[in-house]
Amino acid sequence: MKNFIIGIIAAIIVVGLLIFVIETDRSILQMVFGFIFFIIPFSFISSFSSKIMSFLFTVFVVLLGYISYKMGYHDLWIGILEAAIIGGATYYYRIRKTSTFSSSDYIEEAKNQT
């Protein structure tokens, strides 16, 4: 039930942001680019356990922020916010580190149970 409610809340926020972009005549294209650039990093945030990947991700975000500010692409951040909501929910509820299947462990367990 908890996942269901969080999914509904995330959908309402994302659709609300989309309606906000349309109603205030903001750039849908910039929003889509912000979403596309950041959905994968937010979904696989657990992969950034190393210092180098965290550094590269941070450099990318800061450079993108600087370039978007200087060029006037202020609507890019709405897409990044949507990517954070959807990607964060995807990471938290679906993509987690799990142990891989080991056939030798399975055979040992089967032998121990009989």
PDB file of N, CA and C in Angstrom:
ATOM      1  N   MET A   1       0.817  -1.191   0.000  1.00  0.00           N
ATOM      2  CA  MET A   1       0.000   0.000   0.000  1.00  0.00           C
ATOM      3  C   MET A   1       0.865   1.262   0.000  1.00  0.00           C
ATOM      4  N   LYS A   2       2.007   1.187   0.719  1.00  0.00           N
ATOM      5  CA  LYS A   2       2.896   2.347   0.800  1.00  0.00           C
ATOM      6  C   LYS A   2       3.468   2.694  -0.579  1.00  0.00           C
ATOM      7  N   ASN A   3       3.894   1.680  -1.347  1.00  0.00           N
ATOM      8  CA  ASN A   3       4.432   1.916  -2.689  1.00  0.00           C
ATOM      9  C   ASN A   3       3.377   2.525  -3.604  1.00  0.00           C
ATOM     10  N   PHE A   4       2.152   2.077  -3.440  1.00  0.00           N
ATOM     11  CA  PHE A   4       1.046   2.583  -4.243  1.00  0.00           C
ATOM     12  C   PHE A   4       0.835   4.076  -4.004  1.00  0.00           C
ATOM     13  N   ILE A   5       0.846   4.483  -2.748  1.00  0.00           N
ATOM     14  CA  ILE A   5       0.627   5.887  -2.407  1.00  0.00           C
ATOM     15  C   ILE A   5       1.791   6.751  -2.878  1.00  0.00           C
ATOM     16  N   ILE A   6       3.011   6.267  -2.716  1.00  0.00           N
ATOM     17  CA  ILE A   6       4.173   7.038  -3.165  1.00  0.00           C
ATOM     18  C   ILE A   6       4.174   7.167  -4.684  1.00  0.00           C
ATOM     19  N   GLY A   7       3.756   6.126  -5.394  1.00  0.00           N
ATOM     20  CA  GLY A   7       3.638   6.202  -6.853  1.00  0.00           C
ATOM     21  C   GLY A   7       2.622   7.239  -7.285  1.00  0.00           C
ATOM     22  N   ILE A   8       1.506   7.304  -6.573  1.00  0.00           N
ATOM     23  CA  ILE A   8       0.483   8.304  -6.891  1.00  0.00           C
ATOM     24  C   ILE A   8       1.005   9.712  -6.625  1.00  0.00           C
ATOM     25  N   ILE A   9       1.691   9.900  -5.510  1.00  0.00           N
ATOM     26  CA  ILE A   9       2.239  11.221  -5.181  1.00  0.00           C
ATOM     27  C   ILE A   9       3.279  11.651  -6.214  1.00  0.00           C
ATOM     28  N   ALA A  10       4.161  10.727  -6.613  1.00  0.00           N
ATOM     29  CA  ALA A  10       5.181  11.050  -7.628  1.00  0.00           C
ATOM     30  C   ALA A  10       4.518  11.407  -8.957  1.00  0.00           C
ATOM     31  N   ALA A  11       3.475  10.664  -9.339  1.00  0.00           N
ATOM     32  CA  ALA A  11       2.780  10.953 -10.595  1.00  0.00           C
ATOM     33  C   ALA A  11       2.104  12.320 -10.544  1.00  0.00           C
ATOM     34  N   ILE A  12       1.495  12.655  -9.416  1.00  0.00           N
ATOM     35  CA  ILE A  12       0.837  13.954  -9.289  1.00  0.00           C
ATOM     36  C   ILE A  12       1.859  15.085  -9.387  1.00  0.00           C
ATOM     37  N   ILE A  13       3.012  14.928  -8.763  1.00  0.00           N
ATOM     38  CA  ILE A  13       4.049  15.967  -8.815  1.00  0.00           C
ATOM     39  C   ILE A  13       4.586  16.136 -10.237  1.00  0.00           C
ATOM     40  N   VAL A  14       4.868  15.013 -10.912  1.00  0.00           N
ATOM     41  CA  VAL A  14       5.413  15.083 -12.276  1.00  0.00           C
ATOM     42  C   VAL A  14       4.394  15.699 -13.234  1.00  0.00           C
ATOM     43  N   VAL A  15       3.150  15.264 -13.155  1.00  0.00           N
ATOM     44  CA  VAL A  15       2.127  15.837 -14.031  1.00  0.00           C
ATOM     45  C   VAL A  15       1.871  17.298 -13.671  1.00  0.00           C
ATOM     46  N   GLY A  16       1.932  17.622 -12.388  1.00  0.00           N
ATOM     47  CA  GLY A  16       1.786  19.022 -11.972  1.00  0.00           C
ATOM     48  C   GLY A  16       2.880  19.896 -12.541  1.00  0.00           C
ATOM     49  N   LEU A  17       4.119  19.396 -12.537  1.00  0.00           N
ATOM     50  CA  LEU A  17       5.223  20.154 -13.138  1.00  0.00           C
ATOM     51  C   LEU A  17       5.027  20.312 -14.644  1.00  0.00           C
ATOM     52  N   LEU A  18       4.535  19.262 -15.304  1.00  0.00           N
ATOM     53  CA  LEU A  18       4.279  19.344 -16.747  1.00  0.00           C
ATOM     54  C   LEU A  18       3.185  20.378 -17.037  1.00  0.00           C
ATOM     55  N   ILE A  19       2.129  20.367 -16.252  1.00  0.00           N
ATOM     56  CA  ILE A  19       1.059  21.359 -16.422  1.00  0.00           C
ATOM     57  C   ILE A  19       1.588  22.762 -16.146  1.00  0.00           C
ATOM     58  N   PHE A  20       2.435  22.901 -15.132  1.00  0.00           N
ATOM     59  CA  PHE A  20       3.047  24.200 -14.832  1.00  0.00           C
ATOM     60  C   PHE A  20       3.853  24.718 -16.018  1.00  0.00           C
ATOM     61  N   VAL A  21       4.625  23.823 -16.650  1.00  0.00           N
ATOM     62  CA  VAL A  21       5.437  24.220 -17.808  1.00  0.00           C
ATOM     63  C   VAL A  21       4.546  24.671 -18.957  1.00  0.00           C
ATOM     64  N   ILE A  22       3.471  23.947 -19.198  1.00  0.00           N
ATOM     65  CA  ILE A  22       2.576  24.297 -20.307  1.00  0.00           C
ATOM     66  C   ILE A  22       1.836  25.603 -20.012  1.00  0.00           C
ATOM     67  N   GLU A  23       1.312  25.753 -18.809  1.00  0.00           N
ATOM     68  CA  GLU A  23       0.500  26.921 -18.470  1.00  0.00           C
ATOM     69  C   GLU A  23       1.307  28.211 -18.370  1.00  0.00           C
ATOM     70  N   THR A  24       2.561  28.131 -18.008  1.00  0.00           N
ATOM     71  CA  THR A  24       3.370  29.347 -17.873  1.00  0.00           C
ATOM     72  C   THR A  24       4.238  29.599 -19.099  1.00  0.00           C
ATOM     73  N   ASP A  25       3.955  28.901 -20.187  1.00  0.00           N
ATOM     74  CA  ASP A  25       4.665  29.068 -21.462  1.00  0.00           C
ATOM     75  C   ASP A  25       6.168  28.893 -21.311  1.00  0.00           C
ATOM     76  N   ARG A  26       6.555  27.893 -20.565  1.00  0.00           N
ATOM     77  CA  ARG A  26       7.972  27.556 -20.442  1.00  0.00           C
ATOM     78  C   ARG A  26       8.325  26.549 -21.536  1.00  0.00           C
ATOM     79  N   SER A  27       9.603  26.283 -21.704  1.00  0.00           N
ATOM     80  CA  SER A  27      10.069  25.426 -22.784  1.00  0.00           C
ATOM     81  C   SER A  27       9.947  23.951 -22.408  1.00  0.00           C
ATOM     82  N   ILE A  28       9.085  23.253 -23.132  1.00  0.00           N
ATOM     83  CA  ILE A  28       8.936  21.809 -22.911  1.00  0.00           C
ATOM     84  C   ILE A  28      10.196  21.090 -23.381  1.00  0.00           C
ATOM     85  N   LEU A  29      10.820  21.590 -24.428  1.00  0.00           N
ATOM     86  CA  LEU A  29      12.032  20.971 -24.947  1.00  0.00           C
ATOM     87  C   LEU A  29      13.161  21.016 -23.916  1.00  0.00           C
ATOM     88  N   GLN A  30      13.333  22.132 -23.243  1.00  0.00           N
ATOM     89  CA  GLN A  30      14.362  22.225 -22.208  1.00  0.00           C
ATOM     90  C   GLN A  30      14.055  21.281 -21.048  1.00  0.00           C
ATOM     91  N   MET A  31      12.787  21.174 -20.688  1.00  0.00           N
ATOM     92  CA  MET A  31      12.390  20.266 -19.624  1.00  0.00           C
ATOM     93  C   MET A  31      12.714  18.821 -20.014  1.00  0.00           C
ATOM     94  N   VAL A  32      12.416  18.454 -21.242  1.00  0.00           N
ATOM     95  CA  VAL A  32      12.681  17.093 -21.716  1.00  0.00           C
ATOM     96  C   VAL A  32      14.187  16.815 -21.720  1.00  0.00           C
ATOM     97  N   PHE A  33      14.996  17.770 -22.172  1.00  0.00           N
ATOM     98  CA  PHE A  33      16.451  17.575 -22.162  1.00  0.00           C
ATOM     99  C   PHE A  33      16.988  17.401 -20.743  1.00  0.00           C
ATOM    100  N   GLY A  34      16.500  18.204 -19.812  1.00  0.00           N
ATOM    101  CA  GLY A  34      16.910  18.046 -18.415  1.00  0.00           C
ATOM    102  C   GLY A  34      16.537  16.682 -17.871  1.00  0.00           C
ATOM    103  N   PHE A  35      15.358  16.209 -18.246  1.00  0.00           N
ATOM    104  CA  PHE A  35      14.917  14.881 -17.807  1.00  0.00           C
ATOM    105  C   PHE A  35      15.785  13.790 -18.413  1.00  0.00           C
ATOM    106  N   ILE A  36      16.045  13.873 -19.701  1.00  0.00           N
ATOM    107  CA  ILE A  36      16.826  12.838 -20.400  1.00  0.00           C
ATOM    108  C   ILE A  36      18.256  12.781 -19.883  1.00  0.00           C
ATOM    109  N   PHE A  37      18.873  13.931 -19.638  1.00  0.00           N
ATOM    110  CA  PHE A  37      20.261  13.944 -19.166  1.00  0.00           C
ATOM    111  C   PHE A  37      20.418  13.351 -17.775  1.00  0.00           C
ATOM    112  N   PHE A  38      19.381  13.424 -16.949  1.00  0.00           N
ATOM    113  CA  PHE A  38      19.551  13.055 -15.553  1.00  0.00           C
ATOM    114  C   PHE A  38      18.742  11.855 -15.085  1.00  0.00           C
ATOM    115  N   ILE A  39      17.918  11.251 -15.911  1.00  0.00           N
ATOM    116  CA  ILE A  39      17.128  10.110 -15.446  1.00  0.00           C
ATOM    117  C   ILE A  39      18.014   8.900 -15.160  1.00  0.00           C
ATOM    118  N   ILE A  40      19.003   8.640 -16.000  1.00  0.00           N
ATOM    119  CA  ILE A  40      19.895   7.496 -15.775  1.00  0.00           C
ATOM    120  C   ILE A  40      20.776   7.702 -14.540  1.00  0.00           C
ATOM    121  N   PRO A  41      21.429   8.867 -14.378  1.00  0.00           N
ATOM    122  CA  PRO A  41      22.230   9.038 -13.160  1.00  0.00           C
ATOM    123  C   PRO A  41      21.412   8.920 -11.869  1.00  0.00           C
ATOM    124  N   PHE A  42      20.194   9.472 -11.862  1.00  0.00           N
ATOM    125  CA  PHE A  42      19.386   9.363 -10.649  1.00  0.00           C
ATOM    126  C   PHE A  42      18.890   7.942 -10.422  1.00  0.00           C
ATOM    127  N   SER A  43      18.628   7.204 -11.490  1.00  0.00           N
ATOM    128  CA  SER A  43      18.157   5.824 -11.340  1.00  0.00           C
ATOM    129  C   SER A  43      19.253   4.905 -10.833  1.00  0.00           C
ATOM    130  N   PHE A  44      20.470   5.142 -11.267  1.00  0.00           N
ATOM    131  CA  PHE A  44      21.579   4.271 -10.882  1.00  0.00           C
ATOM    132  C   PHE A  44      22.547   4.991  -9.952  1.00  0.00           C
ATOM    133  N   ILE A  45      22.023   5.756  -9.014  1.00  0.00           N
ATOM    134  CA  ILE A  45      22.855   6.537  -8.099  1.00  0.00           C
ATOM    135  C   ILE A  45      23.711   5.631  -7.228  1.00  0.00           C
ATOM    136  N   SER A  46      23.299   4.391  -7.040  1.00  0.00           N
ATOM    137  CA  SER A  46      24.092   3.468  -6.216  1.00  0.00           C
ATOM    138  C   SER A  46      25.390   3.090  -6.905  1.00  0.00           C
ATOM    139  N   SER A  47      25.473   3.271  -8.209  1.00  0.00           N
ATOM    140  CA  SER A  47      26.700   2.959  -8.940  1.00  0.00           C
ATOM    141  C   SER A  47      27.795   3.981  -8.676  1.00  0.00           C
ATOM    142  N   PHE A  48      27.441   5.120  -8.106  1.00  0.00           N
ATOM    143  CA  PHE A  48      28.410   6.180  -7.860  1.00  0.00           C
ATOM    144  C   PHE A  48      29.060   6.033  -6.496  1.00  0.00           C
ATOM    145  N   SER A  49      29.495   4.840  -6.175  1.00  0.00           N
ATOM    146  CA  SER A  49      30.115   4.624  -4.868  1.00  0.00           C
ATOM    147  C   SER A  49      31.586   5.041  -4.861  1.00  0.00           C
ATOM    148  N   SER A  50      32.169   5.197  -6.030  1.00  0.00           N
ATOM    149  CA  SER A  50      33.577   5.583  -6.076  1.00  0.00           C
ATOM    150  C   SER A  50      33.712   7.104  -6.067  1.00  0.00           C
ATOM    151  N   LYS A  51      34.877   7.563  -5.672  1.00  0.00           N
ATOM    152  CA  LYS A  51      35.143   8.998  -5.608  1.00  0.00           C
ATOM    153  C   LYS A  51      35.180   9.613  -7.006  1.00  0.00           C
ATOM    154  N   ILE A  52      35.699   8.869  -7.956  1.00  0.00           N
ATOM    155  CA  ILE A  52      35.840   9.398  -9.310  1.00  0.00           C
ATOM    156  C   ILE A  52      34.475   9.623  -9.952  1.00  0.00           C
ATOM    157  N   MET A  53      33.567   8.652  -9.811  1.00  0.00           N
ATOM    158  CA  MET A  53      32.240   8.808 -10.406  1.00  0.00           C
ATOM    159  C   MET A  53      31.458   9.927  -9.722  1.00  0.00           C
ATOM    160  N   SER A  54      31.587  10.046  -8.407  1.00  0.00           N
ATOM    161  CA  SER A  54      30.927  11.144  -7.699  1.00  0.00           C
ATOM    162  C   SER A  54      31.482  12.486  -8.156  1.00  0.00           C
ATOM    163  N   PHE A  55      32.797  12.546  -8.343  1.00  0.00           N
ATOM    164  CA  PHE A  55      33.440  13.767  -8.814  1.00  0.00           C
ATOM    165  C   PHE A  55      32.947  14.128 -10.217  1.00  0.00           C
ATOM    166  N   LEU A  56      32.924  13.155 -11.125  1.00  0.00           N
ATOM    167  CA  LEU A  56      32.488  13.417 -12.493  1.00  0.00           C
ATOM    168  C   LEU A  56      31.025  13.832 -12.545  1.00  0.00           C
ATOM    169  N   PHE A  57      30.181  13.191 -11.743  1.00  0.00           N
ATOM    170  CA  PHE A  57      28.774  13.551 -11.710  1.00  0.00           C
ATOM    171  C   PHE A  57      28.592  14.981 -11.212  1.00  0.00           C
ATOM    172  N   THR A  58      29.333  15.349 -10.175  1.00  0.00           N
ATOM    173  CA  THR A  58      29.236  16.693  -9.626  1.00  0.00           C
ATOM    174  C   THR A  58      29.749  17.739 -10.615  1.00  0.00           C
ATOM    175  N   VAL A  59      30.856  17.441 -11.282  1.00  0.00           N
ATOM    176  CA  VAL A  59      31.388  18.359 -12.299  1.00  0.00           C
ATOM    177  C   VAL A  59      30.374  18.543 -13.420  1.00  0.00           C
ATOM    178  N   PHE A  60      29.751  17.455 -13.861  1.00  0.00           N
ATOM    179  CA  PHE A  60      28.745  17.526 -14.913  1.00  0.00           C
ATOM    180  C   PHE A  60      27.562  18.395 -14.491  1.00  0.00           C
ATOM    181  N   VAL A  61      27.092  18.226 -13.273  1.00  0.00           N
ATOM    182  CA  VAL A  61      25.957  19.009 -12.786  1.00  0.00           C
ATOM    183  C   VAL A  61      26.312  20.490 -12.683  1.00  0.00           C
ATOM    184  N   VAL A  62      27.493  20.785 -12.147  1.00  0.00           N
ATOM    185  CA  VAL A  62      27.897  22.186 -11.990  1.00  0.00           C
ATOM    186  C   VAL A  62      28.094  22.849 -13.353  1.00  0.00           C
ATOM    187  N   LEU A  63      28.746  22.167 -14.275  1.00  0.00           N
ATOM    188  CA  LEU A  63      28.932  22.734 -15.622  1.00  0.00           C
ATOM    189  C   LEU A  63      27.605  22.914 -16.339  1.00  0.00           C
ATOM    190  N   LEU A  64      26.729  21.942 -16.227  1.00  0.00           N
ATOM    191  CA  LEU A  64      25.422  22.068 -16.858  1.00  0.00           C
ATOM    192  C   LEU A  64      24.634  23.217 -16.236  1.00  0.00           C
ATOM    193  N   GLY A  65      24.737  23.368 -14.920  1.00  0.00           N
ATOM    194  CA  GLY A  65      24.066  24.487 -14.259  1.00  0.00           C
ATOM    195  C   GLY A  65      24.604  25.827 -14.711  1.00  0.00           C
ATOM    196  N   TYR A  66      25.915  25.932 -14.817  1.00  0.00           N
ATOM    197  CA  TYR A  66      26.537  27.183 -15.256  1.00  0.00           C
ATOM    198  C   TYR A  66      26.154  27.507 -16.701  1.00  0.00           C
ATOM    199  N   ILE A  67      26.256  26.508 -17.573  1.00  0.00           N
ATOM    200  CA  ILE A  67      25.931  26.734 -18.988  1.00  0.00           C
ATOM    201  C   ILE A  67      24.455  27.077 -19.160  1.00  0.00           C
ATOM    202  N   SER A  68      23.581  26.370 -18.448  1.00  0.00           N
ATOM    203  CA  SER A  68      22.152  26.659 -18.589  1.00  0.00           C
ATOM    204  C   SER A  68      21.800  28.044 -18.038  1.00  0.00           C
ATOM    205  N   TYR A  69      22.490  28.454 -16.981  1.00  0.00           N
ATOM    206  CA  TYR A  69      22.248  29.796 -16.437  1.00  0.00           C
ATOM    207  C   TYR A  69      22.741  30.880 -17.398  1.00  0.00           C
ATOM    208  N   LYS A  70      23.944  30.704 -17.942  1.00  0.00           N
ATOM    209  CA  LYS A  70      24.521  31.705 -18.843  1.00  0.00           C
ATOM    210  C   LYS A  70      23.753  31.813 -20.147  1.00  0.00           C
ATOM    211  N   MET A  71      23.244  30.684 -20.636  1.00  0.00           N
ATOM    212  CA  MET A  71      22.537  30.703 -21.911  1.00  0.00           C
ATOM    213  C   MET A  71      21.038  30.962 -21.739  1.00  0.00           C
ATOM    214  N   GLY A  72      20.591  31.064 -20.497  1.00  0.00           N
ATOM    215  CA  GLY A  72      19.184  31.377 -20.252  1.00  0.00           C
ATOM    216  C   GLY A  72      18.260  30.177 -20.305  1.00  0.00           C
ATOM    217  N   TYR A  73      18.793  28.988 -20.155  1.00  0.00           N
ATOM    218  CA  TYR A  73      17.966  27.781 -20.167  1.00  0.00           C
ATOM    219  C   TYR A  73      17.497  27.474 -18.744  1.00  0.00           C
ATOM    220  N   HIS A  74      16.608  28.287 -18.241  1.00  0.00           N
ATOM    221  CA  HIS A  74      16.173  28.146 -16.853  1.00  0.00           C
ATOM    222  C   HIS A  74      15.151  27.031 -16.671  1.00  0.00           C
ATOM    223  N   ASP A  75      14.548  26.578 -17.745  1.00  0.00           N
ATOM    224  CA  ASP A  75      13.529  25.536 -17.642  1.00  0.00           C
ATOM    225  C   ASP A  75      14.134  24.137 -17.608  1.00  0.00           C
ATOM    226  N   LEU A  76      15.414  24.036 -17.787  1.00  0.00           N
ATOM    227  CA  LEU A  76      16.102  22.749 -17.727  1.00  0.00           C
ATOM    228  C   LEU A  76      15.969  22.124 -16.345  1.00  0.00           C
ATOM    229  N   TRP A  77      15.910  22.955 -15.316  1.00  0.00           N
ATOM    230  CA  TRP A  77      15.868  22.463 -13.939  1.00  0.00           C
ATOM    231  C   TRP A  77      14.553  21.785 -13.601  1.00  0.00           C
ATOM    232  N   ILE A  78      13.498  22.118 -14.316  1.00  0.00           N
ATOM    233  CA  ILE A  78      12.221  21.433 -14.091  1.00  0.00           C
ATOM    234  C   ILE A  78      12.350  19.976 -14.521  1.00  0.00           C
ATOM    235  N   GLY A  79      13.010  19.719 -15.644  1.00  0.00           N
ATOM    236  CA  GLY A  79      13.243  18.344 -16.093  1.00  0.00           C
ATOM    237  C   GLY A  79      14.166  17.596 -15.151  1.00  0.00           C
ATOM    238  N   ILE A  80      15.157  18.301 -14.602  1.00  0.00           N
ATOM    239  CA  ILE A  80      16.063  17.661 -13.649  1.00  0.00           C
ATOM    240  C   ILE A  80      15.297  17.283 -12.379  1.00  0.00           C
ATOM    241  N   LEU A  81      14.388  18.142 -11.953  1.00  0.00           N
ATOM    242  CA  LEU A  81      13.570  17.828 -10.788  1.00  0.00           C
ATOM    243  C   LEU A  81      12.679  16.616 -11.048  1.00  0.00           C
ATOM    244  N   GLU A  82      12.097  16.541 -12.238  1.00  0.00           N
ATOM    245  CA  GLU A  82      11.289  15.369 -12.591  1.00  0.00           C
ATOM    246  C   GLU A  82      12.143  14.104 -12.629  1.00  0.00           C
ATOM    247  N   ALA A  83      13.354  14.213 -13.175  1.00  0.00           N
ATOM    248  CA  ALA A  83      14.253  13.058 -13.207  1.00  0.00           C
ATOM    249  C   ALA A  83      14.631  12.620 -11.804  1.00  0.00           C
ATOM    250  N   ALA A  84      14.803  13.588 -10.901  1.00  0.00           N
ATOM    251  CA  ALA A  84      15.132  13.247  -9.514  1.00  0.00           C
ATOM    252  C   ALA A  84      13.972  12.517  -8.848  1.00  0.00           C
ATOM    253  N   ILE A  85      12.759  12.946  -9.115  1.00  0.00           N
ATOM    254  CA  ILE A  85      11.590  12.293  -8.513  1.00  0.00           C
ATOM    255  C   ILE A  85      11.418  10.889  -9.058  1.00  0.00           C
ATOM    256  N   ILE A  86      11.406  10.745 -10.379  1.00  0.00           N
ATOM    257  CA  ILE A  86      11.179   9.435 -10.987  1.00  0.00           C
ATOM    258  C   ILE A  86      12.387   8.529 -10.799  1.00  0.00           C
ATOM    259  N   GLY A  87      13.583   9.050 -11.039  1.00  0.00           N
ATOM    260  CA  GLY A  87      14.795   8.239 -10.884  1.00  0.00           C
ATOM    261  C   GLY A  87      15.042   7.838  -9.448  1.00  0.00           C
ATOM    262  N   GLY A  88      14.784   8.756  -8.509  1.00  0.00           N
ATOM    263  CA  GLY A  88      14.950   8.424  -7.098  1.00  0.00           C
ATOM    264  C   GLY A  88      13.973   7.351  -6.646  1.00  0.00           C
ATOM    265  N   ALA A  89      12.736   7.452  -7.100  1.00  0.00           N
ATOM    266  CA  ALA A  89      11.753   6.418  -6.762  1.00  0.00           C
ATOM    267  C   ALA A  89      12.114   5.086  -7.403  1.00  0.00           C
ATOM    268  N   THR A  90      12.599   5.129  -8.640  1.00  0.00           N
ATOM    269  CA  THR A  90      13.014   3.894  -9.311  1.00  0.00           C
ATOM    270  C   THR A  90      14.173   3.247  -8.582  1.00  0.00           C
ATOM    271  N   TYR A  91      15.131   4.043  -8.178  1.00  0.00           N
ATOM    272  CA  TYR A  91      16.269   3.496  -7.441  1.00  0.00           C
ATOM    273  C   TYR A  91      15.825   2.919  -6.103  1.00  0.00           C
ATOM    274  N   TYR A  92      15.023   3.667  -5.378  1.00  0.00           N
ATOM    275  CA  TYR A  92      14.670   3.253  -4.025  1.00  0.00           C
ATOM    276  C   TYR A  92      13.777   2.019  -4.008  1.00  0.00           C
ATOM    277  N   TYR A  93      12.850   1.927  -4.960  1.00  0.00           N
ATOM    278  CA  TYR A  93      11.889   0.834  -4.923  1.00  0.00           C
ATOM    279  C   TYR A  93      12.195  -0.319  -5.862  1.00  0.00           C
ATOM    280  N   ARG A  94      13.050  -0.125  -6.875  1.00  0.00           N
ATOM    281  CA  ARG A  94      13.284  -1.201  -7.836  1.00  0.00           C
ATOM    282  C   ARG A  94      14.750  -1.602  -7.973  1.00  0.00           C
ATOM    283  N   ILE A  95      15.651  -0.659  -8.059  1.00  0.00           N
ATOM    284  CA  ILE A  95      17.045  -0.972  -8.353  1.00  0.00           C
ATOM    285  C   ILE A  95      17.839  -0.919  -7.053  1.00  0.00           C
ATOM    286  N   ARG A  96      18.170  -2.066  -6.564  1.00  0.00           N
ATOM    287  CA  ARG A  96      18.987  -2.162  -5.360  1.00  0.00           C
ATOM    288  C   ARG A  96      19.990  -3.273  -5.566  1.00  0.00           C
ATOM    289  N   LYS A  97      21.020  -3.245  -4.758  1.00  0.00           N
ATOM    290  CA  LYS A  97      22.017  -4.302  -4.868  1.00  0.00           C
ATOM    291  C   LYS A  97      21.452  -5.573  -4.249  1.00  0.00           C
ATOM    292  N   THR A  98      21.494  -6.623  -5.021  1.00  0.00           N
ATOM    293  CA  THR A  98      21.036  -7.921  -4.532  1.00  0.00           C
ATOM    294  C   THR A  98      22.153  -8.926  -4.736  1.00  0.00           C
ATOM    295  N   SER A  99      22.066  -9.997  -4.007  1.00  0.00           N
ATOM    296  CA  SER A  99      23.070 -11.044  -4.188  1.00  0.00           C
ATOM    297  C   SER A  99      22.719 -11.853  -5.427  1.00  0.00           C
ATOM    298  N   THR A 100      23.726 -12.227  -6.164  1.00  0.00           N
ATOM    299  CA  THR A 100      23.507 -12.999  -7.379  1.00  0.00           C
ATOM    300  C   THR A 100      23.261 -14.460  -7.037  1.00  0.00           C
ATOM    301  N   PHE A 101      22.606 -15.136  -7.940  1.00  0.00           N
ATOM    302  CA  PHE A 101      22.291 -16.540  -7.729  1.00  0.00           C
ATOM    303  C   PHE A 101      23.558 -17.368  -7.878  1.00  0.00           C
ATOM    304  N   SER A 102      23.779 -18.234  -6.929  1.00  0.00           N
ATOM    305  CA  SER A 102      24.934 -19.121  -6.953  1.00  0.00           C
ATOM    306  C   SER A 102      24.434 -20.559  -6.973  1.00  0.00           C
ATOM    307  N   SER A 103      24.737 -21.270  -8.038  1.00  0.00           N
ATOM    308  CA  SER A 103      24.253 -22.654  -8.144  1.00  0.00           C
ATOM    309  C   SER A 103      24.909 -23.554  -7.106  1.00  0.00           C
ATOM    310  N   SER A 104      26.158 -23.288  -6.758  1.00  0.00           N
ATOM    311  CA  SER A 104      26.823 -24.126  -5.751  1.00  0.00           C
ATOM    312  C   SER A 104      26.190 -23.932  -4.370  1.00  0.00           C
ATOM    313  N   ASP A 105      25.820 -22.682  -4.028  1.00  0.00           N
ATOM    314  CA  ASP A 105      25.116 -22.451  -2.765  1.00  0.00           C
ATOM    315  C   ASP A 105      23.751 -23.123  -2.768  1.00  0.00           C
ATOM    316  N   TYR A 106      23.071 -23.099  -3.898  1.00  0.00           N
ATOM    317  CA  TYR A 106      21.761 -23.740  -4.006  1.00  0.00           C
ATOM    318  C   TYR A 106      21.871 -25.251  -3.817  1.00  0.00           C
ATOM    319  N   ILE A 107      22.893 -25.851  -4.418  1.00  0.00           N
ATOM    320  CA  ILE A 107      23.098 -27.298  -4.277  1.00  0.00           C
ATOM    321  C   ILE A 107      23.411 -27.646  -2.826  1.00  0.00           C
ATOM    322  N   GLU A 108      24.231 -26.829  -2.169  1.00  0.00           N
ATOM    323  CA  GLU A 108      24.544 -27.066  -0.747  1.00  0.00           C
ATOM    324  C   GLU A 108      23.307 -26.965   0.125  1.00  0.00           C
ATOM    325  N   GLU A 109      22.467 -25.976  -0.125  1.00  0.00           N
ATOM    326  CA  GLU A 109      21.237 -25.834   0.636  1.00  0.00           C
ATOM    327  C   GLU A 109      20.304 -27.007   0.408  1.00  0.00           C
ATOM    328  N   ALA A 110      20.231 -27.477  -0.839  1.00  0.00           N
ATOM    329  CA  ALA A 110      19.371 -28.623  -1.148  1.00  0.00           C
ATOM    330  C   ALA A 110      19.871 -29.876  -0.459  1.00  0.00           C
ATOM    331  N   LYS A 111      21.176 -30.057  -0.386  1.00  0.00           N
ATOM    332  CA  LYS A 111      21.734 -31.222   0.300  1.00  0.00           C
ATOM    333  C   LYS A 111      21.496 -31.155   1.807  1.00  0.00           C
ATOM    334  N   ASN A 112      21.574 -29.959   2.363  1.00  0.00           N
ATOM    335  CA  ASN A 112      21.383 -29.791   3.808  1.00  0.00           C
ATOM    336  C   ASN A 112      19.925 -29.970   4.234  1.00  0.00           C
ATOM    337  N   GLN A 113      18.993 -29.728   3.333  1.00  0.00           N
ATOM    338  CA  GLN A 113      17.592 -29.847   3.666  1.00  0.00           C
ATOM    339  C   GLN A 113      17.106 -31.290   3.636  1.00  0.00           C
ATOM    340  N   THR A 114      17.796 -32.168   2.928  1.00  0.00           N
ATOM    341  CA  THR A 114      17.342 -33.564   2.850  1.00  0.00           C
ATOM    342  C   THR A 114      17.976 -34.439   3.880  1.00  0.00           C
TER     343      THR A 114
END
